[in-house]
């Protein structure tokens, strides 16, 4: 081999090495979480509500069609930030109400802690809802470099105020630790997207960015500037029309954010995740048709989530994944994508799903615990010889099978409303019956029309046994009474920490 040939070989090896280093550079991560966003409220599911930006982004990425979240707000957020089932954090029951001295435990690092540990700058914008009764539970003390948003579960989109408990009312908007006066003319969806855009426009760090944008949209109250509802004048139902405008505002905001990433040369190096936190609330304009049930129920309409991933790092773009994924999976998946370590965490319930999402590999997940809630009122009678107390509200997915026990919540299938009056019947006899076990093959029956519990009693027993095995690992449920010291009248009119 000539000297010149050897020189070219060396140059090739060096250039390849540096190319691999560049390729291995951790991406920026943009995680967008919508609130109460229904399965039938995104364009690519056939919705009457147009979502051009979400449709385009999801069409260029990977749409997740066997993806699950939790039925209500706090549990989904706690599992996203911890990678652990709510039975392992004590948050099995309900949400964290503003006056409750409760929070996501500090016994394991949050996703933001791990991203920061991996060399990321970390930013949270929007809704927190993971507890704030002590300052140590505020977002800036849970791994985020910056926080701009609100701490409670819902509020007015303009005044940024909310009432909770007995005559406890206050404002809720913070920039890091400091309460800030809201502009009553500024709509929160636009306000939060502007903050993200400002952070992107002024970003001069050499660190990759982890941006957690938890929209207030499209949670009640139903409020949106009229320019967004004008295009939906044909929708006769008032709630649905307003809700459609709220979705349109969120979709536009996401388009503006992606444009900012592009303008600042960051988009090609960004992985974006979009997810809802639970099913749509049909009493506030949302819709999950053709799925059964809605927000707060253990039916598919409560927890089969809208979700997708976008980014040049994906190997198979423009595809649809039917592999089983859960919100707990984002923790190890994103930490892995960041090149981080899972050392120091308590045992995770999530799986690293990057190969599943990016390459179409088989999901490592076979089992998925939707929840076991020991505080929910028991329903019906105990099944003779059952390894698990089937009176307890619980649900479990194993491969294609799903079992529900106890009282699962309203079980009706609600079509899209079409008139000024609520033209759907939400009368539900499930809670009045003694029946407390349902079994479905979700792969064959994703809308839960055919209960197979009487057809496959052996499968019922197998699923009950799996529930019991998981129940043995549960920690005690934490759900303290409301604390009068939380009243904003004692805190200058603001919701915020009240214990030292």
Protein backbone atom coordinates (compact mmCIF):
# COMPACT_ATOMS: atom_id res chain seq x y z
CA UNK A 1 0.00 0.00 0.00
CA UNK A 2 1.39 3.38 -0.98
CA UNK A 3 2.03 6.16 1.51
CA UNK A 4 -0.72 8.17 -0.17
CA UNK A 5 -3.16 5.27 0.17
CA UNK A 6 -2.29 4.86 3.87
CA UNK A 7 -2.84 8.59 4.36
CA UNK A 8 -6.30 8.38 2.77
CA UNK A 9 -7.21 5.41 4.93
CA UNK A 10 -6.17 7.31 8.06
CA UNK A 11 -8.19 10.33 6.97
CA UNK A 12 -11.22 8.11 6.33
CA UNK A 13 -10.95 6.51 9.78
CA UNK A 14 -10.60 9.91 11.46
CA UNK A 15 -13.50 11.45 9.53
CA UNK A 16 -15.68 8.42 10.24
CA UNK A 17 -14.82 8.66 13.92
CA UNK A 18 -15.82 12.32 14.06
CA UNK A 19 -18.93 11.62 12.01
CA UNK A 20 -19.96 9.05 14.60
CA UNK A 21 -19.34 11.57 17.38
CA UNK A 22 -21.54 14.11 15.61
CA UNK A 23 -24.19 11.48 14.95
CA UNK A 24 -24.13 10.45 18.60
CA UNK A 25 -24.74 14.00 19.82
CA UNK A 26 -27.77 13.92 22.13
CA UNK A 27 -30.81 15.56 20.53
CA UNK A 28 -32.90 18.38 21.87
CA UNK A 29 -36.09 16.89 23.29
CA UNK A 30 -39.43 18.66 23.07
CA UNK A 31 -42.17 16.90 25.06
CA UNK A 32 -45.64 18.36 24.50
CA UNK A 33 -48.40 17.18 26.82
CA UNK A 34 -52.00 18.14 26.04
CA UNK A 35 -54.62 18.11 28.80
CA UNK A 36 -57.89 16.15 28.46
CA UNK A 37 -57.33 15.68 24.71
CA UNK A 38 -59.75 13.11 23.30
CA UNK A 39 -59.03 10.22 20.97
CA UNK A 40 -61.49 11.56 18.40
CA UNK A 41 -60.21 15.13 18.58
CA UNK A 42 -57.20 14.91 16.28
CA UNK A 43 -57.47 15.15 12.51
CA UNK A 44 -55.81 11.85 11.64
CA UNK A 45 -58.39 9.95 13.68
CA UNK A 46 -61.10 11.34 11.43
CA UNK A 47 -62.10 14.24 13.66
CA UNK A 48 -64.19 17.15 12.45
CA UNK A 49 -61.65 19.31 14.26
CA UNK A 50 -58.81 20.24 11.92
CA UNK A 51 -55.29 19.84 13.29
CA UNK A 52 -52.97 20.51 10.31
CA UNK A 53 -49.78 20.91 12.33
CA UNK A 54 -50.31 17.82 14.46
CA UNK A 55 -51.33 15.82 11.40
CA UNK A 56 -48.21 16.91 9.49
CA UNK A 57 -45.82 16.26 12.37
CA UNK A 58 -47.31 12.87 13.17
CA UNK A 59 -47.39 11.92 9.48
CA UNK A 60 -43.68 12.63 9.19
CA UNK A 61 -42.94 10.68 12.36
CA UNK A 62 -44.36 7.62 14.09
CA UNK A 63 -47.99 7.55 15.21
CA UNK A 64 -48.50 5.47 18.35
CA UNK A 65 -51.76 3.55 18.08
CA UNK A 66 -51.34 1.16 21.00
CA UNK A 67 -50.26 3.82 23.47
CA UNK A 68 -51.65 4.26 26.97
CA UNK A 69 -51.75 7.00 29.57
CA UNK A 70 -53.68 7.23 32.84
CA UNK A 71 -57.36 8.21 33.12
CA UNK A 72 -56.70 11.49 34.98
CA UNK A 73 -54.14 14.27 35.29
CA UNK A 74 -51.80 13.72 38.25
CA UNK A 75 -51.28 9.97 37.68
CA UNK A 76 -50.12 10.45 34.08
CA UNK A 77 -47.76 13.27 35.05
CA UNK A 78 -46.39 11.33 38.01
CA UNK A 79 -45.68 8.30 35.84
CA UNK A 80 -44.07 10.41 33.13
CA UNK A 81 -41.77 12.09 35.64
CA UNK A 82 -40.97 8.96 37.66
CA UNK A 83 -41.16 6.07 35.18
CA UNK A 84 -43.06 4.22 37.89
CA UNK A 85 -46.63 2.99 38.32
CA UNK A 86 -48.77 5.00 40.70
CA UNK A 87 -49.02 1.97 43.02
CA UNK A 88 -45.29 2.49 43.58
CA UNK A 89 -45.51 6.20 44.40
CA UNK A 90 -48.62 6.21 46.61
CA UNK A 91 -50.66 8.23 44.10
CA UNK A 92 -53.16 5.48 43.27
CA UNK A 93 -56.25 7.48 44.14
CA UNK A 94 -57.59 10.55 42.39
CA UNK A 95 -55.53 13.64 41.72
CA UNK A 96 -53.59 16.01 43.95
CA UNK A 97 -56.07 18.73 44.86
CA UNK A 98 -54.73 22.23 45.44
CA UNK A 99 -55.36 22.21 49.24
CA UNK A 100 -53.86 18.73 49.77
CA UNK A 101 -50.44 18.32 51.41
CA UNK A 102 -49.39 15.73 48.86
CA UNK A 103 -46.80 15.43 46.08
CA UNK A 104 -44.79 13.07 43.91
CA UNK A 105 -42.32 11.56 46.42
CA UNK A 106 -38.71 12.65 46.42
CA UNK A 107 -37.40 9.10 46.89
CA UNK A 108 -36.39 8.73 43.24
CA UNK A 109 -35.06 11.24 40.68
CA UNK A 110 -37.48 12.78 38.21
CA UNK A 111 -37.10 12.61 34.45
CA UNK A 112 -35.90 16.22 34.58
CA UNK A 113 -33.30 15.31 37.23
CA UNK A 114 -31.97 12.63 34.90
CA UNK A 115 -31.96 14.89 31.86
CA UNK A 116 -30.04 17.54 33.78
CA UNK A 117 -27.63 14.85 34.99
CA UNK A 118 -27.16 13.89 31.32
CA UNK A 119 -25.99 17.40 30.49
CA UNK A 120 -29.26 18.98 29.38
CA UNK A 121 -30.70 22.36 30.19
CA UNK A 122 -34.21 21.66 31.46
CA UNK A 123 -37.31 23.81 31.12
CA UNK A 124 -40.92 23.31 32.21
CA UNK A 125 -43.71 25.47 30.80
CA UNK A 126 -47.39 25.16 31.70
CA UNK A 127 -49.14 22.84 34.13
CA UNK A 128 -47.34 21.15 37.03
CA UNK A 129 -49.96 19.31 39.15
CA UNK A 130 -47.47 17.15 41.01
CA UNK A 131 -47.75 18.82 44.40
CA UNK A 132 -46.50 22.08 45.88
CA UNK A 133 -47.31 22.16 49.59
CA UNK A 134 -43.58 22.49 50.35
CA UNK A 135 -41.10 24.47 48.30
CA UNK A 136 -39.01 21.34 47.80
CA UNK A 137 -41.76 19.98 45.53
CA UNK A 138 -41.81 22.94 43.14
CA UNK A 139 -40.57 22.24 39.58
CA UNK A 140 -37.29 24.13 40.08
CA UNK A 141 -36.50 21.69 42.90
CA UNK A 142 -37.48 18.65 40.85
CA UNK A 143 -34.88 18.96 38.11
CA UNK A 144 -35.98 21.95 36.05
CA UNK A 145 -33.67 24.92 35.50
CA UNK A 146 -36.64 27.14 34.67
CA UNK A 147 -40.39 26.98 35.24
CA UNK A 148 -43.13 29.20 33.90
CA UNK A 149 -46.67 28.07 34.59
CA UNK A 150 -49.15 27.06 37.23
CA UNK A 151 -49.04 24.57 40.08
CA UNK A 152 -52.64 23.40 40.44
CA UNK A 153 -54.78 21.23 38.17
CA UNK A 154 -56.89 23.79 36.31
CA UNK A 155 -57.71 27.47 36.26
CA UNK A 156 -59.16 30.31 34.20
CA UNK A 157 -57.29 30.71 30.90
CA UNK A 158 -57.17 34.50 31.28
CA UNK A 159 -57.21 35.48 34.95
CA UNK A 160 -55.07 32.46 35.97
CA UNK A 161 -57.21 32.01 39.07
CA UNK A 162 -58.97 29.02 40.52
CA UNK A 163 -61.13 28.03 43.46
CA UNK A 164 -60.78 24.74 45.25
CA UNK A 165 -62.20 23.32 48.43
CA UNK A 166 -64.46 25.45 50.60
CA UNK A 167 -64.19 29.03 49.41
CA UNK A 168 -60.46 28.76 48.76
CA UNK A 169 -59.68 30.98 45.78
CA UNK A 170 -56.43 32.38 44.49
CA UNK A 171 -54.23 33.16 41.50
CA UNK A 172 -51.74 30.66 40.16
CA UNK A 173 -48.93 31.75 37.83
CA UNK A 174 -45.20 31.57 38.52
CA UNK A 175 -41.94 32.43 36.88
CA UNK A 176 -39.58 30.02 38.62
CA UNK A 177 -40.35 30.44 42.35
CA UNK A 178 -41.95 33.86 42.08
CA UNK A 179 -45.70 34.47 41.70
CA UNK A 180 -46.34 36.92 38.85
CA UNK A 181 -49.37 39.00 38.00
CA UNK A 182 -51.16 37.62 34.94
CA UNK A 183 -52.21 39.70 31.98
CA UNK A 184 -55.99 39.11 31.96
CA UNK A 185 -56.06 39.67 28.19
CA UNK A 186 -53.53 36.94 27.45
CA UNK A 187 -54.85 33.47 26.61
CA UNK A 188 -52.77 30.77 28.28
CA UNK A 189 -52.20 28.60 25.19
CA UNK A 190 -50.66 31.58 23.40
CA UNK A 191 -48.84 32.72 26.54
CA UNK A 192 -47.13 29.37 27.06
CA UNK A 193 -46.19 28.95 23.41
CA UNK A 194 -44.65 32.45 23.46
CA UNK A 195 -42.54 31.51 26.48
CA UNK A 196 -41.24 28.41 24.70
CA UNK A 197 -40.48 30.46 21.59
CA UNK A 198 -38.63 33.06 23.70
CA UNK A 199 -36.53 30.33 25.29
CA UNK A 200 -35.70 28.91 21.87
CA UNK A 201 -34.96 32.31 20.29
CA UNK A 202 -32.59 33.23 23.13
CA UNK A 203 -30.96 29.82 23.46
CA UNK A 204 -27.18 30.16 23.33
CA UNK A 205 -26.15 27.19 25.43
CA UNK A 206 -23.93 24.40 24.15
CA UNK A 207 -26.10 22.00 26.13
CA UNK A 208 -28.95 20.12 24.48
CA UNK A 209 -32.40 21.32 25.56
CA UNK A 210 -35.13 19.35 27.32
CA UNK A 211 -38.35 21.31 26.93
CA UNK A 212 -41.42 20.02 28.79
CA UNK A 213 -44.47 21.92 27.56
CA UNK A 214 -47.58 20.89 29.48
CA UNK A 215 -50.40 22.86 27.91
CA UNK A 216 -53.41 23.93 29.93
CA UNK A 217 -55.33 23.21 26.75
CA UNK A 218 -57.75 21.64 26.25
CA UNK A 219 -58.93 21.19 29.85
CA UNK A 220 -62.05 22.99 31.12
CA UNK A 221 -63.06 25.78 31.57
CA UNK A 222 -64.12 26.13 27.93
CA UNK A 223 -62.48 29.42 26.92
CA UNK A 224 -60.85 30.55 23.69
CA UNK A 225 -60.59 33.73 21.56
CA UNK A 226 -63.48 33.95 19.10
CA UNK A 227 -61.16 33.92 16.08
CA UNK A 228 -60.59 30.23 16.75
CA UNK A 229 -64.27 29.31 17.04
CA UNK A 230 -65.38 31.35 14.00
CA UNK A 231 -64.24 28.57 11.66
CA UNK A 232 -66.39 26.08 13.60
CA UNK A 233 -69.69 27.96 13.44
CA UNK A 234 -71.17 24.89 11.74
CA UNK A 235 -70.80 22.88 14.99
CA UNK A 236 -74.14 23.35 16.73
CA UNK A 237 -73.19 22.04 20.16
CA UNK A 238 -71.78 25.00 22.11
CA UNK A 239 -69.31 22.98 24.21
CA UNK A 240 -68.02 21.12 21.19
CA UNK A 241 -67.65 24.32 19.17
CA UNK A 242 -65.67 26.05 21.90
CA UNK A 243 -63.58 22.95 22.48
CA UNK A 244 -62.81 22.75 18.75
CA UNK A 245 -61.52 26.32 18.91
CA UNK A 246 -59.32 25.41 21.87
CA UNK A 247 -57.83 22.52 19.90
CA UNK A 248 -57.24 24.84 16.94
CA UNK A 249 -55.41 27.31 19.20
CA UNK A 250 -53.20 24.52 20.56
CA UNK A 251 -52.46 23.20 17.07
CA UNK A 252 -51.48 26.68 15.88
CA UNK A 253 -49.26 27.16 18.94
CA UNK A 254 -47.43 23.91 18.20
CA UNK A 255 -46.90 25.03 14.62
CA UNK A 256 -45.42 28.33 15.85
CA UNK A 257 -43.10 26.50 18.23
CA UNK A 258 -41.77 24.14 15.56
CA UNK A 259 -41.20 27.16 13.29
CA UNK A 260 -39.08 28.77 16.03
CA UNK A 261 -37.00 25.61 16.40
CA UNK A 262 -36.47 25.59 12.63
CA UNK A 263 -35.58 29.28 12.46
CA UNK A 264 -32.94 28.81 15.14
CA UNK A 265 -31.36 25.78 13.47
CA UNK A 266 -32.46 23.39 16.23
CA UNK A 267 -35.27 21.41 14.61
CA UNK A 268 -33.15 18.87 12.73
CA UNK A 269 -31.53 17.97 16.05
CA UNK A 270 -34.83 17.71 17.94
CA UNK A 271 -36.95 14.71 18.90
CA UNK A 272 -40.51 15.76 19.62
CA UNK A 273 -43.00 13.69 21.61
CA UNK A 274 -46.68 14.57 21.69
CA UNK A 275 -49.09 12.98 24.15
CA UNK A 276 -52.40 13.53 25.85
CA UNK A 277 -52.59 13.05 29.61
CA UNK A 278 -55.90 11.17 29.52
CA UNK A 279 -59.02 10.69 27.45
CA UNK A 280 -61.32 13.53 26.52
CA UNK A 281 -63.89 14.88 28.96
CA UNK A 282 -67.15 14.56 27.02
CA UNK A 283 -68.93 16.88 29.48
CA UNK A 284 -66.54 19.64 28.40
CA UNK A 285 -66.56 19.19 24.63
CA UNK A 286 -64.09 16.32 24.21
CA UNK A 287 -64.82 13.08 22.40
CA UNK A 288 -63.27 9.60 22.28
CA UNK A 289 -65.50 7.87 19.72
CA UNK A 290 -65.47 4.98 18.92
CA UNK A 291 -63.79 4.12 22.21
CA UNK A 292 -65.84 3.32 25.30
CA UNK A 293 -65.95 5.69 28.28
CA UNK A 294 -64.02 8.90 28.86
CA UNK A 295 -61.74 10.76 31.26
CA UNK A 296 -61.52 9.19 34.73
CA UNK A 297 -62.76 5.77 33.57
CA UNK A 298 -60.79 2.55 33.12
CA UNK A 299 -62.40 1.98 29.72
CA UNK A 300 -60.29 2.60 26.62
CA UNK A 301 -61.79 6.07 26.19
CA UNK A 302 -60.18 7.09 29.47
CA UNK A 303 -56.66 5.85 28.86
CA UNK A 304 -56.00 4.94 25.22
CA UNK A 305 -53.95 8.02 24.42
CA UNK A 306 -53.23 10.12 21.37
CA UNK A 307 -49.47 10.15 20.86
CA UNK A 308 -46.70 10.38 18.28
CA UNK A 309 -42.95 10.97 17.92
CA UNK A 310 -41.26 13.20 15.33
CA UNK A 311 -37.60 13.69 14.53
CA UNK A 312 -34.84 13.02 12.03
CA UNK A 313 -33.34 10.54 14.47
CA UNK A 314 -36.20 8.13 13.69
CA UNK A 315 -35.15 5.30 11.40
CA UNK A 316 -38.64 4.54 10.08
CA UNK A 317 -40.50 7.78 9.45
CA UNK A 318 -44.05 8.10 8.25
CA UNK A 319 -45.16 4.91 9.97
CA UNK A 320 -47.75 3.74 12.47
CA UNK A 321 -46.77 1.67 15.48
CA UNK A 322 -49.20 -0.83 16.97
CA UNK A 323 -46.74 -1.98 19.62
CA UNK A 324 -47.76 -1.67 23.28
CA UNK A 325 -46.40 1.50 24.92
CA UNK A 326 -47.18 3.27 28.18
CA UNK A 327 -46.48 6.71 29.61
CA UNK A 328 -43.97 5.21 32.08
CA UNK A 329 -41.86 4.20 29.08
CA UNK A 330 -40.89 7.78 28.28
CA UNK A 331 -38.59 7.96 31.31
CA UNK A 332 -36.09 5.25 30.30
CA UNK A 333 -36.61 5.96 26.59
CA UNK A 334 -35.72 9.64 26.82
CA UNK A 335 -32.92 9.12 29.34
CA UNK A 336 -31.50 6.52 26.97
CA UNK A 337 -31.84 8.89 24.02
CA UNK A 338 -29.99 11.51 26.06
CA UNK A 339 -27.14 9.10 26.70
CA UNK A 340 -27.91 9.16 30.41
CA UNK A 341 -27.84 6.58 33.17
CA UNK A 342 -30.69 5.07 35.16
CA UNK A 343 -28.45 4.58 38.20
CA UNK A 344 -29.96 5.86 41.42
CA UNK A 345 -33.59 5.35 40.46
CA UNK A 346 -35.99 3.10 42.27
CA UNK A 347 -37.08 0.11 40.13
CA UNK A 348 -38.76 1.44 37.00
CA UNK A 349 -41.98 0.15 35.48
CA UNK A 350 -41.19 1.70 32.11
CA UNK A 351 -39.17 0.21 29.26
CA UNK A 352 -36.76 1.83 26.82
CA UNK A 353 -38.94 1.85 23.70
CA UNK A 354 -36.65 3.73 21.31
CA UNK A 355 -36.00 0.74 19.04
CA UNK A 356 -39.71 -0.02 19.05
CA UNK A 357 -40.56 3.53 18.02
CA UNK A 358 -37.63 4.26 15.72
CA UNK A 359 -36.97 0.90 14.08
CA UNK A 360 -40.29 -0.91 14.42
CA UNK A 361 -38.89 -3.52 16.81
CA UNK A 362 -41.21 -5.57 18.97
CA UNK A 363 -42.16 -3.85 22.22
CA UNK A 364 -40.43 -5.26 25.30
CA UNK A 365 -43.67 -4.62 27.20
CA UNK A 366 -46.15 -7.49 27.65
CA UNK A 367 -47.90 -6.29 30.77
CA UNK A 368 -49.34 -2.90 31.63
CA UNK A 369 -50.98 -1.99 34.92
CA UNK A 370 -53.62 0.67 34.38
CA UNK A 371 -54.15 1.01 38.15
CA UNK A 372 -55.17 -0.57 41.45
CA UNK A 373 -57.08 1.92 43.59
CA UNK A 374 -57.64 0.70 47.18
CA UNK A 375 -59.57 3.84 48.21
CA UNK A 376 -62.22 3.71 45.50
CA UNK A 377 -65.54 2.39 46.83
CA UNK A 378 -65.69 -1.41 46.36
CA UNK A 379 -68.28 -2.75 43.95
CA UNK A 380 -70.25 -5.99 43.88
CA UNK A 381 -69.31 -9.27 45.51
CA UNK A 382 -66.01 -11.07 45.80
CA UNK A 383 -65.50 -13.88 43.30
CA UNK A 384 -65.14 -17.20 45.06
CA UNK A 385 -61.52 -18.32 45.11
CA UNK A 386 -60.29 -15.14 43.43
CA UNK A 387 -56.58 -14.44 44.01
CA UNK A 388 -57.36 -10.70 43.81
CA UNK A 389 -60.20 -8.81 45.46
CA UNK A 390 -62.26 -8.13 42.35
CA UNK A 391 -64.39 -5.58 44.26
CA UNK A 392 -61.42 -3.21 44.05
CA UNK A 393 -61.23 -0.78 41.17
CA UNK A 394 -58.38 -2.01 38.95
CA UNK A 395 -57.41 -2.73 35.36
CA UNK A 396 -54.58 -4.68 33.76
CA UNK A 397 -53.44 -5.31 30.21
CA UNK A 398 -51.46 -8.46 29.36
CA UNK A 399 -50.60 -8.89 25.71
CA UNK A 400 -53.95 -8.60 23.88
CA UNK A 401 -56.03 -9.15 27.01
CA UNK A 402 -57.49 -6.58 29.37
CA UNK A 403 -59.28 -7.15 32.65
CA UNK A 404 -61.24 -4.57 34.63
CA UNK A 405 -62.48 -5.07 38.19
CA UNK A 406 -64.59 -3.09 40.64
CA UNK A 407 -66.30 0.05 39.36
CA UNK A 408 -64.56 1.18 36.15
CA UNK A 409 -66.51 4.40 35.65
CA UNK A 410 -69.08 5.37 33.05
CA UNK A 411 -69.16 2.74 30.33
CA UNK A 412 -71.10 4.38 27.52
CA UNK A 413 -69.96 4.96 23.96
CA UNK A 414 -70.45 8.63 23.21
CA UNK A 415 -70.65 9.81 19.57
CA UNK A 416 -69.78 13.33 18.48
CA UNK A 417 -72.49 15.78 19.64
CA UNK A 418 -74.32 17.41 16.76
CA UNK A 419 -76.89 19.81 18.26
CA UNK A 420 -77.11 22.61 20.79
CA UNK A 421 -78.46 20.09 23.27
CA UNK A 422 -76.26 17.28 24.52
CA UNK A 423 -77.59 14.61 22.20
CA UNK A 424 -75.82 11.72 23.87
CA UNK A 425 -77.13 9.45 26.55
CA UNK A 426 -74.66 9.07 29.40
CA UNK A 427 -76.93 7.06 31.65
CA UNK A 428 -74.84 4.18 32.84
CA UNK A 429 -75.89 1.18 34.92
CA UNK A 430 -72.37 -0.17 35.46
CA UNK A 431 -72.02 1.37 38.90
CA UNK A 432 -75.44 0.05 39.94
CA UNK A 433 -74.76 -3.54 38.98
CA UNK A 434 -73.10 -6.20 41.07
CA UNK A 435 -71.01 -7.17 38.06
CA UNK A 436 -67.41 -6.25 38.71
CA UNK A 437 -65.29 -8.25 36.25
CA UNK A 438 -64.90 -7.59 32.53
CA UNK A 439 -62.50 -9.30 30.12
CA UNK A 440 -61.70 -8.09 26.60
CA UNK A 441 -59.40 -9.03 23.76
CA UNK A 442 -58.35 -5.49 22.88
CA UNK A 443 -56.55 -6.52 19.68
CA UNK A 444 -59.79 -7.94 18.26
CA UNK A 445 -62.18 -5.65 20.12
CA UNK A 446 -60.51 -2.26 20.73
CA UNK A 447 -63.86 -0.61 21.50
CA UNK A 448 -64.76 -3.11 24.24
CA UNK A 449 -68.10 -4.28 22.87
CA UNK A 450 -67.73 -7.96 23.77
CA UNK A 451 -67.15 -8.95 27.38
CA UNK A 452 -65.48 -12.39 27.43
CA UNK A 453 -65.32 -12.92 31.19
CA UNK A 454 -67.90 -15.75 31.09
CA UNK A 455 -66.34 -17.31 28.00
CA UNK A 456 -62.78 -17.56 29.30
CA UNK A 457 -62.91 -18.10 33.09
CA UNK A 458 -59.36 -19.49 33.12
CA UNK A 459 -58.04 -16.30 31.51
CA UNK A 460 -59.97 -14.29 34.10
CA UNK A 461 -58.23 -16.20 36.89
CA UNK A 462 -54.87 -15.74 35.20
CA UNK A 463 -55.39 -11.99 34.94
CA UNK A 464 -56.61 -11.76 38.52
CA UNK A 465 -53.48 -13.57 39.64
CA UNK A 466 -51.33 -11.06 37.74
CA UNK A 467 -53.19 -8.22 39.43
CA UNK A 468 -52.54 -9.75 42.82
CA UNK A 469 -48.83 -10.19 42.09
CA UNK A 470 -48.57 -6.51 41.23
CA UNK A 471 -50.70 -5.56 44.22
CA UNK A 472 -48.15 -7.20 46.50
CA UNK A 473 -45.61 -4.60 45.33
CA UNK A 474 -47.86 -1.61 46.06
CA UNK A 475 -46.96 1.02 48.63
CA UNK A 476 -49.67 2.51 50.85
CA UNK A 477 -51.93 4.99 49.12
CA UNK A 478 -51.33 8.62 50.16
CA UNK A 479 -54.42 10.83 50.03
CA UNK A 480 -54.40 13.31 52.93
CA UNK A 481 -57.33 15.55 53.87
CA UNK A 482 -57.50 19.14 52.68
CA UNK A 483 -55.36 21.50 54.75
CA UNK A 484 -56.93 24.87 55.65
CA UNK A 485 -53.45 26.39 55.83
CA UNK A 486 -53.31 26.10 52.04
CA UNK A 487 -55.94 28.82 51.64
CA UNK A 488 -54.52 31.54 49.35
CA UNK A 489 -55.94 34.20 51.68
CA UNK A 490 -53.07 33.26 54.03
CA UNK A 491 -50.54 33.42 51.19
CA UNK A 492 -51.08 36.84 49.67
CA UNK A 493 -53.83 35.61 47.35
CA UNK A 494 -51.69 32.96 45.63
CA UNK A 495 -51.68 29.21 45.52
CA UNK A 496 -48.28 28.07 46.68
CA UNK A 497 -46.28 26.27 49.38
CA UNK A 498 -47.66 26.59 52.88
CA UNK A 499 -45.47 24.18 54.85
CA UNK A 500 -41.83 24.71 55.68
